[in-house]
Amino acid sequence: MHGSRLFVSLAVAFTLVGTGCASAGSGSGSDSGSARSRGSRYVITAEQLAASHVSNLMDAIRRLRPDWLRVRGATSTASGASIVVYVDGIRVGGTEALGSMSIEGVVELRRLSPTDATTRWGTGHSAGAIEVIRRR
């Protein structure tokens, strides 16, 4: 009897640990709290931009988060989908627009998943989006 209780206890413990690990790593890709976002792979802060020693946003992303510029998934690449860029909530085009944007005055850059971008701005974001947030 003692052996079966031990087995049940271990099974419960492993289930709880597995559930905790799974929920801790499941981010939506668009951290919104600025304290949380400081170390996020989905956010580039003004401090990180300044420390990158580049003048435009395309060069900053290439240096700090080059994976942001990769389109993922068979559906995205087959359809020719591209990442959409927004500045303060206004659509400005694709990633080519980042080359002409200065890092000056940028508070934060965010990489949004296709799901998060579609939820926020509607359809047409099968490759996701990059949001540029400037000082107001």
Protein backbone atom coordinates (compact mmCIF):
# COMPACT_ATOMS: atom_id res chain seq x y z
CA MET A 1 0.00 0.00 0.00
CA HIS A 2 2.84 2.36 0.86
CA GLY A 3 4.36 1.90 -2.63
CA SER A 4 1.16 2.91 -4.42
CA ARG A 5 0.83 6.10 -2.35
CA LEU A 6 4.40 7.01 -3.19
CA PHE A 7 3.71 6.42 -6.87
CA VAL A 8 0.58 8.60 -6.79
CA SER A 9 2.43 11.35 -4.90
CA LEU A 10 5.27 11.33 -7.43
CA ALA A 11 2.82 11.37 -10.34
CA VAL A 12 1.01 14.39 -8.88
CA ALA A 13 4.31 16.18 -8.21
CA PHE A 14 5.55 15.64 -11.78
CA THR A 15 2.23 16.83 -13.19
CA LEU A 16 2.34 20.02 -11.13
CA VAL A 17 5.95 20.73 -12.06
CA GLY A 18 5.23 20.12 -15.75
CA THR A 19 2.19 22.39 -15.69
CA GLY A 20 4.16 25.16 -13.97
CA CYS A 21 6.99 24.97 -16.49
CA ALA A 22 4.62 24.99 -19.44
CA SER A 23 2.71 28.03 -18.23
CA ALA A 24 5.86 29.96 -17.33
CA GLY A 25 7.20 29.72 -20.86
CA SER A 26 4.06 30.45 -22.81
CA GLY A 27 4.20 34.11 -23.69
CA SER A 28 2.05 35.66 -26.36
CA GLY A 29 4.99 37.44 -27.93
CA SER A 30 3.95 40.94 -27.06
CA ASP A 31 4.90 41.73 -23.49
CA SER A 32 3.06 44.86 -22.48
CA GLY A 33 4.39 45.58 -19.00
CA SER A 34 7.53 47.67 -19.29
CA ALA A 35 9.20 46.09 -16.24
CA ARG A 36 8.59 42.64 -17.71
CA SER A 37 9.63 43.65 -21.20
CA ARG A 38 13.13 44.83 -20.36
CA GLY A 39 14.64 41.40 -20.96
CA SER A 40 12.09 40.18 -23.49
CA ARG A 41 13.02 38.75 -26.84
CA TYR A 42 9.91 40.49 -28.22
CA VAL A 43 10.87 44.01 -27.12
CA ILE A 44 13.75 46.39 -27.83
CA THR A 45 13.94 49.31 -25.40
CA ALA A 46 15.21 52.86 -25.97
CA GLU A 47 18.24 51.99 -23.82
CA GLN A 48 19.06 49.00 -26.02
CA LEU A 49 18.65 51.13 -29.15
CA ALA A 50 21.05 53.77 -27.78
CA ALA A 51 23.59 51.10 -26.84
CA SER A 52 23.42 49.52 -30.32
CA HIS A 53 25.37 52.47 -31.84
CA VAL A 54 23.37 52.50 -35.07
CA SER A 55 21.30 55.28 -36.60
CA ASN A 56 18.26 53.53 -38.10
CA LEU A 57 15.77 50.95 -36.89
CA MET A 58 16.59 48.35 -39.54
CA ASP A 59 20.25 48.27 -38.46
CA ALA A 60 19.20 48.15 -34.81
CA ILE A 61 16.95 45.15 -35.38
CA ARG A 62 19.59 43.41 -37.48
CA ARG A 63 22.06 43.87 -34.64
CA LEU A 64 19.80 43.20 -31.63
CA ARG A 65 17.04 40.83 -32.85
CA PRO A 66 17.81 39.57 -36.37
CA ASP A 67 15.25 36.77 -36.00
CA TRP A 68 12.50 39.43 -36.04
CA LEU A 69 13.09 39.83 -39.78
CA ARG A 70 12.57 36.15 -40.59
CA VAL A 71 9.19 35.06 -41.89
CA ARG A 72 8.26 31.70 -40.35
CA GLY A 73 6.01 28.86 -41.35
CA ALA A 74 5.09 27.20 -44.63
CA THR A 75 1.93 29.29 -45.01
CA SER A 76 3.77 32.58 -44.56
CA THR A 77 6.61 31.83 -46.96
CA ALA A 78 4.42 30.15 -49.60
CA SER A 79 2.01 33.07 -49.78
CA GLY A 80 4.74 35.68 -49.96
CA ALA A 81 3.56 37.21 -46.68
CA SER A 82 5.68 39.95 -45.19
CA ILE A 83 6.04 41.52 -41.79
CA VAL A 84 3.96 44.68 -41.40
CA VAL A 85 5.41 47.75 -39.64
CA TYR A 86 3.33 50.12 -37.51
CA VAL A 87 4.42 53.45 -36.01
CA ASP A 88 2.29 54.48 -33.05
CA GLY A 89 -0.52 52.25 -34.30
CA ILE A 90 -0.44 53.49 -37.92
CA ARG A 91 0.53 51.08 -40.70
CA VAL A 92 3.56 52.38 -42.61
CA GLY A 93 4.43 49.39 -44.80
CA GLY A 94 6.85 46.48 -44.68
CA THR A 95 10.25 46.10 -43.06
CA GLU A 96 11.89 48.20 -45.79
CA ALA A 97 10.38 51.25 -44.04
CA LEU A 98 12.61 50.61 -41.01
CA GLY A 99 15.74 51.59 -42.96
CA SER A 100 14.62 55.20 -43.19
CA MET A 101 13.49 55.51 -39.56
CA SER A 102 15.86 57.03 -37.02
CA ILE A 103 16.24 55.50 -33.58
CA GLU A 104 15.84 59.01 -32.12
CA GLY A 105 12.63 59.40 -30.16
CA VAL A 106 11.79 55.69 -30.20
CA VAL A 107 10.67 54.45 -26.79
CA GLU A 108 10.25 50.81 -27.72
CA LEU A 109 10.06 48.32 -30.58
CA ARG A 110 7.80 45.26 -30.27
CA ARG A 111 7.60 42.12 -32.37
CA LEU A 112 4.06 40.77 -32.54
CA SER A 113 3.13 37.26 -33.60
CA PRO A 114 0.68 36.80 -36.49
CA THR A 115 -2.07 36.03 -33.97
CA ASP A 116 -1.36 39.10 -31.81
CA ALA A 117 -1.08 41.40 -34.83
CA THR A 118 -4.33 40.07 -36.33
CA THR A 119 -6.13 40.48 -33.01
CA ARG A 120 -4.95 44.09 -32.77
CA TRP A 121 -5.17 45.31 -36.38
CA GLY A 122 -7.25 42.75 -38.28
CA THR A 123 -6.40 40.41 -41.12
CA GLY A 124 -3.30 40.61 -43.31
CA HIS A 125 -0.66 39.79 -40.70
CA SER A 126 0.26 36.19 -41.49
CA ALA A 127 3.94 37.03 -40.92
CA GLY A 128 3.32 39.18 -37.83
CA ALA A 129 4.20 42.81 -37.22
CA ILE A 130 6.79 45.15 -35.75
CA GLU A 131 5.41 48.04 -33.75
CA VAL A 132 7.45 51.22 -33.30
CA ILE A 133 6.43 53.26 -30.26
CA ARG A 134 7.68 56.85 -30.22
CA ARG A 135 7.68 59.49 -27.48
CA ARG A 136 4.55 61.59 -27.46
